[in-house]
Amino acid sequence: MAVARALEDRGHQVGWVTHHEVGERLLPPGAFIVPLDLTAPESVKAAMAAKSRHFRGPSEIQFLWNDCLLPLGEVMVPGITAAVDLFEPDVIVVDQLVLAGSVVAQQRGLPWATMISAPPPLADPLAEMPLLAERLSGSLEAFGRRFGLKPDRGRPSDLLYSRDLVLALTVEDLLNRAGPRPEHFTFVGPLGVEPDESSAEVEVRPWDRLGPGERLVTVTPGSVPADLESPFLEAVVEALGELSGSGVQGVLLVPPDRFRDLPPNVVAYGWTGGSGPSLSDDLLARTDLLISHAGHFTCCRALSFGVPLVMAPIRYGQPWIAEMVAHAGAGVRVRYHRARSAEIRHAVGTVLGEPRFGEAARGLQTSLRAAGGVPVAADHLELLLRDRAATSEPAFR
């Protein structure tokens, strides 16, 4: 949304193709929205969620593609085609996992940009799983064939990477397996991690009462209900309670009624109802360590403030993101499914006690701030628009 606002401020028109409920909830009033009616029965969504919990590792990736992304892409193609015909854009910006967007862009011969919101695809996470990589490549090629796209075995992943522009919302310093990149790959950093310098003091917060030398550990379990009820969170609370005598204070971003009794050095704070946990700038500015499940945006929010992490990844891209942050020296990884309070307590003590973790986090902070974020992303999209204008007569939207 931030890039869209920046483009609108520069005089361009922006249209959105999204699920109608998402558009109504997240997009500003007056936004041009072409809604997709893809509502699934609650029973189907519950069944898919239950099924997903049975997979780990390669089988989890297969489930994500075969049961979710490929079928979803197929049913989205007609709606996105209709939206493009209605709005007549000059450039299409496509989330990498929305395969229908890249299909329609290529069918219509429009320039398009792939937006990659997390680094794992750029680090080639399937390099160590060649059989799975081959199957996925075959599935993508078959998907493209169904919509009339010519296969190119020299470039099997054109559905995932535009030949015009790839906006990677990360920094190369996190890609521990990064190699040379094509010139049209641009690393702009995560969008929206910049500190909000306009935030006001509205109340006395728990961290305002910290004494000299006390360290603040913030815990953000995410907004998925199952994660809020996990044994892992119980183990985190126990570990922080065991550190009460060593100057460690904990803030849990959970609903206030999640725990009946908390250790004296731990408080529940910052839950914003349906929006989930609020990892505010004020809190991050005071945090010494963040415990999370290694979501890319959350990790980058912490690192943009120079805060190191203890990460307990659960699913999909989280294990790779945790590996990247750990490889960069800015955090450690612990088990999620079998973690015990002793392991978590040791990880917290290690990160807080060894300066190298904070130093690495501050190094990544510099990279994230220098990447440019929203204005740089908008600049590159404008360049793509200008290339389009040089070869046609655009409506310039």
Protein backbone atom coordinates (compact mmCIF):
# COMPACT_ATOMS: atom_id res chain seq x y z
CA MET A 1 0.00 0.00 0.00
CA ALA A 2 2.87 2.37 0.75
CA VAL A 3 4.25 2.04 -2.79
CA ALA A 4 0.76 2.59 -4.23
CA ARG A 5 0.39 5.78 -2.18
CA ALA A 6 3.79 6.98 -3.38
CA LEU A 7 2.81 6.39 -7.01
CA GLU A 8 -0.51 8.17 -6.53
CA ASP A 9 1.32 11.11 -4.96
CA ARG A 10 3.38 11.26 -8.17
CA GLY A 11 0.24 11.52 -10.30
CA HIS A 12 -0.32 7.90 -11.33
CA GLN A 13 -3.49 5.85 -11.07
CA VAL A 14 -3.33 2.58 -9.16
CA GLY A 15 -5.82 -0.26 -9.32
CA TRP A 16 -6.06 -3.24 -7.01
CA VAL A 17 -7.17 -6.80 -7.76
CA THR A 18 -7.86 -8.57 -4.50
CA HIS A 19 -10.41 -10.49 -2.50
CA HIS A 20 -13.29 -8.15 -1.75
CA GLU A 21 -13.10 -8.62 2.03
CA VAL A 22 -9.36 -7.91 2.05
CA GLY A 23 -9.80 -4.81 -0.07
CA GLU A 24 -12.57 -3.40 2.10
CA ARG A 25 -10.61 -4.04 5.28
CA LEU A 26 -7.12 -2.91 4.28
CA LEU A 27 -7.32 -0.48 1.40
CA PRO A 28 -8.10 3.22 1.88
CA PRO A 29 -11.48 4.71 0.96
CA GLY A 30 -11.64 5.63 -2.69
CA ALA A 31 -9.15 3.00 -3.85
CA PHE A 32 -9.94 1.54 -7.29
CA ILE A 33 -10.64 -2.12 -6.49
CA VAL A 34 -11.60 -4.94 -8.81
CA PRO A 35 -12.79 -7.57 -6.32
CA LEU A 36 -12.22 -11.28 -6.74
CA ASP A 37 -14.98 -13.46 -5.34
CA LEU A 38 -12.95 -16.42 -4.12
CA THR A 39 -14.72 -17.06 -0.85
CA ALA A 40 -14.31 -20.64 0.31
CA PRO A 41 -16.68 -22.28 2.83
CA GLU A 42 -15.41 -22.20 6.39
CA SER A 43 -15.41 -26.00 6.42
CA VAL A 44 -13.00 -26.07 3.46
CA LYS A 45 -10.67 -23.51 5.07
CA ALA A 46 -10.69 -25.44 8.36
CA ALA A 47 -9.93 -28.70 6.55
CA MET A 48 -7.00 -27.12 4.70
CA ALA A 49 -5.61 -25.62 7.89
CA ALA A 50 -5.85 -28.98 9.66
CA LYS A 51 -4.20 -30.76 6.75
CA SER A 52 -1.32 -28.28 6.64
CA ARG A 53 -0.32 -29.08 10.21
CA HIS A 54 0.63 -32.64 9.25
CA PHE A 55 3.45 -31.62 6.91
CA ARG A 56 7.08 -30.69 7.60
CA GLY A 57 10.03 -29.92 5.37
CA PRO A 58 9.74 -30.95 1.68
CA SER A 59 6.20 -32.30 2.09
CA GLU A 60 5.13 -28.93 3.47
CA ILE A 61 6.47 -27.17 0.36
CA GLN A 62 4.68 -29.66 -1.89
CA PHE A 63 1.43 -29.04 0.00
CA LEU A 64 1.82 -25.28 -0.32
CA TRP A 65 2.23 -25.45 -4.08
CA ASN A 66 0.09 -28.43 -5.09
CA ASP A 67 -2.84 -27.84 -2.73
CA CYS A 68 -2.79 -24.04 -2.42
CA LEU A 69 -0.84 -21.84 -4.82
CA LEU A 70 -1.30 -23.71 -8.10
CA PRO A 71 -5.08 -24.32 -7.67
CA LEU A 72 -5.55 -20.75 -6.42
CA GLY A 73 -3.64 -19.39 -9.40
CA GLU A 74 -5.85 -21.32 -11.80
CA VAL A 75 -9.13 -19.99 -10.41
CA MET A 76 -7.78 -16.42 -10.25
CA VAL A 77 -6.88 -16.13 -13.93
CA PRO A 78 -10.40 -15.21 -15.19
CA GLY A 79 -10.87 -12.54 -12.53
CA ILE A 80 -7.47 -10.94 -13.10
CA THR A 81 -8.02 -11.07 -16.88
CA ALA A 82 -11.30 -9.19 -16.46
CA ALA A 83 -9.63 -6.67 -14.16
CA VAL A 84 -6.84 -5.97 -16.65
CA ASP A 85 -9.36 -5.54 -19.46
CA LEU A 86 -11.35 -3.10 -17.30
CA PHE A 87 -8.49 -1.03 -15.90
CA GLU A 88 -6.17 -1.21 -18.95
CA PRO A 89 -2.93 -0.84 -16.97
CA ASP A 90 0.43 -0.02 -18.48
CA VAL A 91 2.33 -2.03 -15.87
CA ILE A 92 1.26 -4.90 -13.65
CA VAL A 93 2.82 -5.49 -10.23
CA VAL A 94 2.48 -9.10 -9.12
CA ASP A 95 3.17 -10.78 -5.81
CA GLN A 96 5.44 -13.69 -6.68
CA LEU A 97 3.02 -16.26 -5.30
CA VAL A 98 0.04 -14.96 -7.30
CA LEU A 99 0.74 -16.99 -10.43
CA ALA A 100 -2.36 -15.73 -12.21
CA GLY A 101 -0.92 -12.21 -12.32
CA SER A 102 2.20 -13.26 -14.18
CA VAL A 103 0.14 -15.41 -16.55
CA VAL A 104 -2.18 -12.55 -17.51
CA ALA A 105 0.70 -10.07 -17.89
CA GLN A 106 2.43 -12.40 -20.35
CA GLN A 107 -0.80 -13.20 -22.19
CA ARG A 108 -1.48 -9.48 -22.68
CA GLY A 109 2.14 -8.63 -23.50
CA LEU A 110 2.30 -6.08 -20.67
CA PRO A 111 5.46 -5.17 -18.76
CA TRP A 112 5.25 -6.54 -15.25
CA ALA A 113 7.16 -6.51 -12.02
CA THR A 114 7.51 -9.42 -9.64
CA MET A 115 7.39 -8.39 -5.99
CA ILE A 116 9.13 -10.84 -3.66
CA SER A 117 8.17 -10.17 -0.06
CA ALA A 118 10.64 -12.55 1.63
CA PRO A 119 14.17 -13.72 0.76
CA PRO A 120 13.95 -17.56 0.59
CA PRO A 121 13.13 -17.76 -3.15
CA LEU A 122 16.17 -15.58 -3.90
CA ALA A 123 18.46 -17.84 -1.90
CA ASP A 124 17.38 -20.94 -3.87
CA PRO A 125 16.16 -22.94 -0.85
CA LEU A 126 15.45 -25.99 -3.03
CA ALA A 127 19.07 -26.30 -4.18
CA GLU A 128 19.56 -29.07 -1.64
CA MET A 129 16.32 -30.80 -2.70
CA PRO A 130 16.83 -31.35 -6.45
CA LEU A 131 13.97 -33.83 -6.88
CA LEU A 132 11.49 -31.45 -5.31
CA ALA A 133 12.90 -28.56 -7.36
CA GLU A 134 12.46 -30.59 -10.55
CA ARG A 135 8.86 -31.47 -9.68
CA LEU A 136 8.01 -27.85 -8.90
CA SER A 137 9.61 -26.68 -12.14
CA GLY A 138 7.54 -29.25 -14.05
CA SER A 139 4.35 -28.17 -12.29
CA LEU A 140 4.98 -24.52 -13.13
CA GLU A 141 5.71 -25.34 -16.75
CA ALA A 142 2.49 -27.37 -17.00
CA PHE A 143 0.58 -24.51 -15.35
CA GLY A 144 1.87 -22.07 -17.95
CA ARG A 145 1.06 -24.44 -20.82
CA ARG A 146 -2.56 -24.60 -19.71
CA PHE A 147 -2.82 -20.86 -20.34
CA GLY A 148 -0.98 -20.81 -23.64
CA LEU A 149 2.46 -19.77 -22.42
CA LYS A 150 5.30 -21.28 -24.39
CA PRO A 151 7.70 -23.33 -22.26
CA ASP A 152 11.31 -22.23 -22.17
CA ARG A 153 13.48 -24.86 -20.57
CA GLY A 154 16.31 -22.40 -20.36
CA ARG A 155 14.11 -20.25 -18.10
CA PRO A 156 11.78 -22.61 -16.21
CA SER A 157 10.70 -20.09 -13.60
CA ASP A 158 9.38 -17.17 -15.70
CA LEU A 159 6.13 -17.39 -13.76
CA LEU A 160 8.06 -16.57 -10.61
CA TYR A 161 10.53 -13.97 -11.91
CA SER A 162 9.59 -11.26 -14.39
CA ARG A 163 12.08 -10.50 -17.14
CA ASP A 164 11.22 -6.79 -16.78
CA LEU A 165 11.69 -6.04 -13.09
CA VAL A 166 12.02 -7.98 -9.84
CA LEU A 167 11.52 -5.97 -6.65
CA ALA A 168 13.04 -7.91 -3.77
CA LEU A 169 11.74 -6.58 -0.46
CA THR A 170 14.87 -7.59 1.42
CA VAL A 171 18.62 -6.90 1.45
CA GLU A 172 21.40 -8.98 -0.01
CA ASP A 173 23.18 -9.16 3.34
CA LEU A 174 20.51 -11.65 4.45
CA LEU A 175 21.08 -13.96 1.49
CA ASN A 176 23.87 -16.20 2.69
CA ARG A 177 23.76 -18.17 -0.56
CA ALA A 178 23.44 -15.16 -2.83
CA GLY A 179 25.24 -15.17 -6.15
CA PRO A 180 25.30 -12.79 -9.11
CA ARG A 181 21.88 -11.36 -9.89
CA PRO A 182 20.46 -10.12 -13.19
CA GLU A 183 20.46 -6.36 -13.55
CA HIS A 184 16.66 -6.15 -13.33
CA PHE A 185 16.73 -7.64 -9.80
CA THR A 186 16.49 -4.73 -7.37
CA PHE A 187 16.82 -5.00 -3.59
CA VAL A 188 14.77 -2.23 -2.02
CA GLY A 189 14.42 -3.63 1.50
CA PRO A 190 11.16 -4.38 3.30
CA LEU A 191 8.45 -1.79 2.92
CA GLY A 192 7.16 -0.07 6.02
CA VAL A 193 9.99 -0.90 8.45
CA GLU A 194 11.16 2.69 8.68
CA PRO A 195 10.74 4.18 12.16
CA ASP A 196 7.69 6.37 12.63
CA GLU A 197 9.22 9.48 14.10
CA SER A 198 5.80 11.06 14.60
CA SER A 199 4.62 8.54 17.20
CA ALA A 200 3.41 10.28 20.33
CA GLU A 201 3.74 9.46 24.00
CA VAL A 202 0.24 8.39 25.00
CA GLU A 203 0.66 6.43 28.21
CA VAL A 204 3.10 4.95 30.65
CA ARG A 205 4.19 1.62 29.16
CA PRO A 206 5.72 -1.34 31.01
CA TRP A 207 9.17 -0.67 29.56
CA ASP A 208 9.12 2.90 30.86
CA ARG A 209 9.64 1.47 34.35
CA LEU A 210 12.81 -0.48 33.54
CA GLY A 211 15.68 0.30 35.84
CA PRO A 212 19.34 0.82 34.89
CA GLY A 213 20.91 -2.30 33.47
CA GLU A 214 17.61 -4.16 33.00
CA ARG A 215 17.11 -5.84 29.64
CA LEU A 216 13.82 -6.02 27.77
CA VAL A 217 12.81 -9.18 25.88
CA THR A 218 9.77 -8.78 23.63
CA VAL A 219 7.83 -11.86 22.51
CA THR A 220 5.62 -11.76 19.42
CA PRO A 221 3.92 -15.09 18.68
CA GLY A 222 2.00 -13.76 15.68
CA SER A 223 -1.74 -13.55 15.17
CA VAL A 224 -2.54 -17.17 14.24
CA PRO A 225 -4.82 -18.49 17.03
CA ALA A 226 -3.14 -21.91 17.13
CA ASP A 227 0.24 -20.28 17.75
CA LEU A 228 -1.17 -18.32 20.69
CA GLU A 229 -2.19 -21.58 22.36
CA SER A 230 1.04 -23.47 21.67
CA PRO A 231 3.21 -25.15 24.34
CA PHE A 232 6.09 -23.10 22.97
CA LEU A 233 4.62 -19.91 24.36
CA GLU A 234 4.24 -21.57 27.75
CA ALA A 235 7.92 -22.54 27.63
CA VAL A 236 8.89 -18.96 26.76
CA VAL A 237 7.02 -17.60 29.78
CA GLU A 238 8.66 -20.18 32.03
CA ALA A 239 12.11 -19.33 30.67
CA LEU A 240 11.63 -15.59 31.17
CA GLY A 241 10.35 -16.20 34.70
CA GLU A 242 13.52 -18.15 35.46
CA LEU A 243 15.54 -15.10 34.38
CA SER A 244 13.73 -12.72 36.74
CA GLY A 245 16.73 -12.50 39.04
CA SER A 246 19.11 -11.49 36.25
CA GLY A 247 17.57 -8.19 35.23
CA VAL A 248 15.46 -9.51 32.36
CA GLN A 249 11.97 -8.14 31.82
CA GLY A 250 9.53 -9.66 29.34
CA VAL A 251 6.70 -8.15 27.28
CA LEU A 252 4.34 -10.63 25.63
CA LEU A 253 2.32 -9.35 22.68
CA VAL A 254 -0.67 -11.55 23.47
CA PRO A 255 -4.29 -10.97 24.52
CA PRO A 256 -4.44 -9.86 28.16
CA ASP A 257 -6.45 -12.93 29.17
CA ARG A 258 -4.10 -15.44 27.50
CA PHE A 259 -2.30 -16.20 30.80
CA ARG A 260 -3.97 -16.32 34.18
CA ASP A 261 -0.70 -15.99 36.10
CA LEU A 262 2.53 -14.52 34.82
CA PRO A 263 5.93 -14.24 36.54
CA PRO A 264 6.48 -10.85 38.18
CA ASN A 265 8.96 -9.82 35.48
CA VAL A 266 6.60 -10.56 32.55
CA VAL A 267 3.57 -8.60 31.32
CA ALA A 268 1.04 -9.09 28.51
CA TYR A 269 0.77 -5.92 26.49
CA GLY A 270 0.25 -4.47 23.02
CA TRP A 271 -2.53 -6.67 21.67
CA THR A 272 -4.80 -4.74 19.31
CA GLY A 273 -7.79 -7.01 18.94
CA GLY A 274 -8.39 -8.35 15.46
CA SER A 275 -5.18 -6.77 14.19
CA GLY A 276 -3.07 -8.98 16.42
CA PRO A 277 0.16 -7.93 18.14
CA SER A 278 1.39 -4.35 17.87
CA LEU A 279 5.17 -4.23 17.48
CA SER A 280 5.39 -0.47 17.83
CA ASP A 281 8.41 1.72 17.18
CA ASP A 282 8.44 2.81 20.82
CA LEU A 283 8.64 -0.79 21.97
CA LEU A 284 11.32 -1.80 19.46
CA ALA A 285 13.43 1.22 20.37
CA ARG A 286 13.62 -0.11 23.93
CA THR A 287 13.79 -3.84 23.15
CA ASP A 288 17.10 -5.67 23.65
CA LEU A 289 15.95 -9.00 22.17
CA LEU A 290 12.95 -10.16 20.16
CA ILE A 291 11.56 -13.71 20.29
CA SER A 292 9.52 -14.54 17.18
CA HIS A 293 8.66 -17.25 14.66
CA ALA A 294 10.96 -15.68 12.03
CA GLY A 295 8.42 -14.07 9.77
CA HIS A 296 10.39 -11.92 7.34
CA PHE A 297 8.64 -8.63 8.08
CA THR A 298 8.88 -9.12 11.84
CA CYS A 299 12.59 -9.98 11.63
CA CYS A 300 13.26 -6.94 9.48
CA ARG A 301 11.28 -4.70 11.83
CA ALA A 302 13.53 -5.85 14.67
CA LEU A 303 16.74 -5.62 12.66
CA SER A 304 15.85 -2.13 11.42
CA PHE A 305 16.17 -1.11 15.08
CA GLY A 306 19.36 -3.14 15.59
CA VAL A 307 17.54 -5.72 17.76
CA PRO A 308 18.86 -9.33 17.62
CA LEU A 309 16.51 -12.30 17.68
CA VAL A 310 15.75 -15.71 19.11
CA MET A 311 13.69 -17.49 16.44
CA ALA A 312 11.43 -20.55 16.61
CA PRO A 313 10.28 -21.06 13.01
CA ILE A 314 7.15 -23.08 12.37
CA ARG A 315 6.23 -23.32 8.70
CA TYR A 316 6.84 -22.47 5.05
CA GLY A 317 9.55 -19.81 4.64
CA GLN A 318 10.22 -19.26 8.33
CA PRO A 319 12.96 -21.93 8.69
CA TRP A 320 14.94 -20.38 5.83
CA ILE A 321 14.54 -16.87 7.18
CA ALA A 322 15.71 -18.04 10.60
CA GLU A 323 18.72 -19.68 8.97
CA MET A 324 19.56 -16.47 7.12
CA VAL A 325 19.35 -14.29 10.22
CA ALA A 326 21.41 -16.81 12.22
CA HIS A 327 24.00 -17.09 9.44
CA ALA A 328 24.28 -13.30 9.43
CA GLY A 329 25.07 -13.53 13.14
CA ALA A 330 22.06 -11.53 14.30
CA GLY A 331 20.23 -14.27 16.18
CA VAL A 332 19.90 -17.92 17.14
CA ARG A 333 17.34 -20.53 16.26
CA VAL A 334 15.52 -22.78 18.73
CA ARG A 335 13.07 -25.61 18.18
CA TYR A 336 9.40 -24.79 18.12
CA HIS A 337 7.76 -28.19 18.47
CA ARG A 338 10.06 -29.64 21.12
CA ALA A 339 11.47 -26.55 22.79
CA ARG A 340 11.87 -26.58 26.55
CA SER A 341 12.31 -23.62 28.86
CA ALA A 342 15.96 -24.53 29.46
CA GLU A 343 16.76 -24.28 25.73
CA ILE A 344 14.96 -20.96 25.41
CA ARG A 345 16.58 -19.60 28.58
CA HIS A 346 20.02 -20.56 27.26
CA ALA A 347 19.31 -18.91 23.87
CA VAL A 348 18.13 -15.68 25.52
CA GLY A 349 21.16 -15.62 27.79
CA THR A 350 23.51 -16.24 24.88
CA VAL A 351 22.14 -13.46 22.68
CA LEU A 352 21.93 -10.94 25.52
CA GLY A 353 25.32 -11.92 26.90
CA GLU A 354 27.44 -11.93 23.74
CA PRO A 355 27.92 -8.52 22.06
CA ARG A 356 28.48 -10.09 18.62
CA PHE A 357 24.73 -10.62 18.13
CA GLY A 358 23.88 -6.98 18.72
CA GLU A 359 26.76 -5.87 16.51
CA ALA A 360 25.53 -8.05 13.64
CA ALA A 361 21.98 -6.76 14.09
CA ARG A 362 23.20 -3.17 13.94
CA GLY A 363 25.13 -4.00 10.75
CA LEU A 364 21.92 -5.25 9.16
CA GLN A 365 20.15 -2.16 10.47
CA THR A 366 22.48 -0.07 8.33
CA SER A 367 21.78 -2.20 5.24
CA LEU A 368 18.01 -2.07 5.76
CA ARG A 369 17.97 1.69 6.21
CA ALA A 370 20.20 2.20 3.14
CA ALA A 371 18.09 0.02 0.82
CA GLY A 372 15.65 2.82 0.18
CA GLY A 373 12.28 1.14 0.73
CA VAL A 374 9.13 2.74 -0.66
CA PRO A 375 10.56 5.65 -2.70
CA VAL A 376 13.16 3.45 -4.40
CA ALA A 377 10.52 0.83 -5.27
CA ALA A 378 8.33 3.58 -6.73
CA ASP A 379 11.30 4.92 -8.71
CA HIS A 380 11.88 1.57 -10.39
CA LEU A 381 8.21 1.16 -11.25
CA GLU A 382 8.23 4.62 -12.83
CA LEU A 383 11.23 3.59 -14.93
CA LEU A 384 9.23 0.59 -16.13
CA LEU A 385 6.37 2.94 -17.00
CA ARG A 386 8.74 5.18 -18.97
CA ASP A 387 10.03 2.20 -20.91
CA ARG A 388 6.43 1.37 -21.75
CA ALA A 389 5.76 4.98 -22.79
CA ALA A 390 8.76 4.91 -25.12
CA THR A 391 7.32 1.98 -27.07
CA SER A 392 3.56 2.71 -27.04
CA GLU A 393 0.91 5.27 -26.24
CA PRO A 394 0.06 4.52 -22.61
CA ALA A 395 -2.85 5.66 -20.55
CA PHE A 396 -0.07 6.06 -17.96
CA ARG A 397 -1.72 4.39 -15.03
